[in-house]
Amino acid sequence: MIKAYILINVKGGTEFDLFEELTKISGLEEISLVWGLFDIVLKIEADSKDAMDKLVTEEIRSYANISSTMTMIIRED
């Protein structure tokens, strides 16, 4: 399994609606509204790197109110 944090910037004033929508995505472990450089942080899990790529590019980035994302793969020792 691969886990990652996805840091999300959203278009102004849409973070609460987007937060509710993102709670429905597959592989979601955690979601938080945050203050600072990013607006929403997700913790997601996928079976493989390809599944992670698909989840980020096809599901998460498909929302119109997302301005940008940063993916941080969690190191598993």
Protein backbone atom coordinates (compact mmCIF):
# COMPACT_ATOMS: atom_id res chain seq x y z
CA MET A 1 0.00 0.00 0.00
CA ILE A 2 1.09 3.54 -0.73
CA LYS A 3 0.01 6.45 1.43
CA ALA A 4 0.33 10.15 0.71
CA TYR A 5 -0.62 13.58 1.92
CA ILE A 6 -2.26 15.79 -0.71
CA LEU A 7 -2.00 19.51 0.00
CA ILE A 8 -4.69 21.48 -1.83
CA ASN A 9 -5.16 25.15 -2.71
CA VAL A 10 -8.72 26.12 -3.61
CA LYS A 11 -10.36 29.08 -5.28
CA GLY A 12 -11.42 31.69 -2.72
CA GLY A 13 -14.50 30.96 -0.66
CA THR A 14 -15.02 27.39 -1.90
CA GLU A 15 -13.11 25.42 0.73
CA PHE A 16 -16.14 24.34 2.78
CA ASP A 17 -18.11 23.04 -0.22
CA LEU A 18 -15.04 21.34 -1.66
CA PHE A 19 -14.26 19.79 1.72
CA GLU A 20 -17.69 18.13 1.72
CA GLU A 21 -17.20 16.84 -1.84
CA LEU A 22 -13.73 15.46 -1.12
CA THR A 23 -15.03 13.36 1.79
CA LYS A 24 -16.54 11.06 -0.87
CA ILE A 25 -13.35 10.11 -2.73
CA SER A 26 -12.04 6.56 -2.64
CA GLY A 27 -8.94 5.82 -0.58
CA LEU A 28 -9.48 8.76 1.77
CA GLU A 29 -8.09 8.18 5.27
CA GLU A 30 -8.19 11.73 6.66
CA ILE A 31 -9.24 15.20 5.57
CA SER A 32 -8.64 18.53 7.31
CA LEU A 33 -9.32 22.19 6.63
CA VAL A 34 -6.14 24.12 7.47
CA TRP A 35 -4.85 27.68 7.60
CA GLY A 36 -1.63 28.69 5.89
CA LEU A 37 -0.21 28.05 2.44
CA PHE A 38 -2.80 25.35 1.73
CA ASP A 39 -6.52 25.11 2.40
CA ILE A 40 -7.21 21.37 2.64
CA VAL A 41 -4.97 18.42 3.51
CA LEU A 42 -5.90 14.85 2.58
CA LYS A 43 -4.30 11.61 3.64
CA ILE A 44 -4.98 8.95 1.05
CA GLU A 45 -4.09 5.31 0.46
CA ALA A 46 -3.81 3.34 -2.77
CA ASP A 47 -2.74 -0.18 -3.73
CA SER A 48 0.04 0.91 -6.10
CA LYS A 49 1.82 3.91 -7.58
CA ASP A 50 -0.40 3.68 -10.67
CA ALA A 51 -3.53 3.64 -8.51
CA MET A 52 -2.19 6.65 -6.58
CA ASP A 53 -1.53 8.54 -9.82
CA LYS A 54 -5.05 7.78 -11.03
CA LEU A 55 -6.62 8.82 -7.73
CA VAL A 56 -4.78 12.16 -7.70
CA THR A 57 -5.09 13.05 -11.38
CA GLU A 58 -8.54 11.68 -12.22
CA GLU A 59 -10.44 12.03 -8.94
CA ILE A 60 -8.90 14.76 -6.82
CA ARG A 61 -7.72 17.17 -9.53
CA SER A 62 -11.02 16.84 -11.41
CA TYR A 63 -12.74 19.32 -9.07
CA ALA A 64 -13.07 22.72 -10.75
CA ASN A 65 -12.40 24.72 -7.57
CA ILE A 66 -8.96 23.22 -6.96
CA SER A 67 -6.23 25.69 -7.94
CA SER A 68 -3.24 23.43 -7.26
CA THR A 69 -2.13 20.32 -5.41
CA MET A 70 1.10 19.01 -3.91
CA THR A 71 1.52 15.29 -3.32
CA MET A 72 3.82 14.06 -0.57
CA ILE A 73 4.33 10.27 -0.55
CA ILE A 74 4.68 8.90 2.98
CA ARG A 75 7.90 7.00 3.54
CA GLU A 76 7.30 3.49 4.87
CA ASP A 77 10.31 1.76 6.43
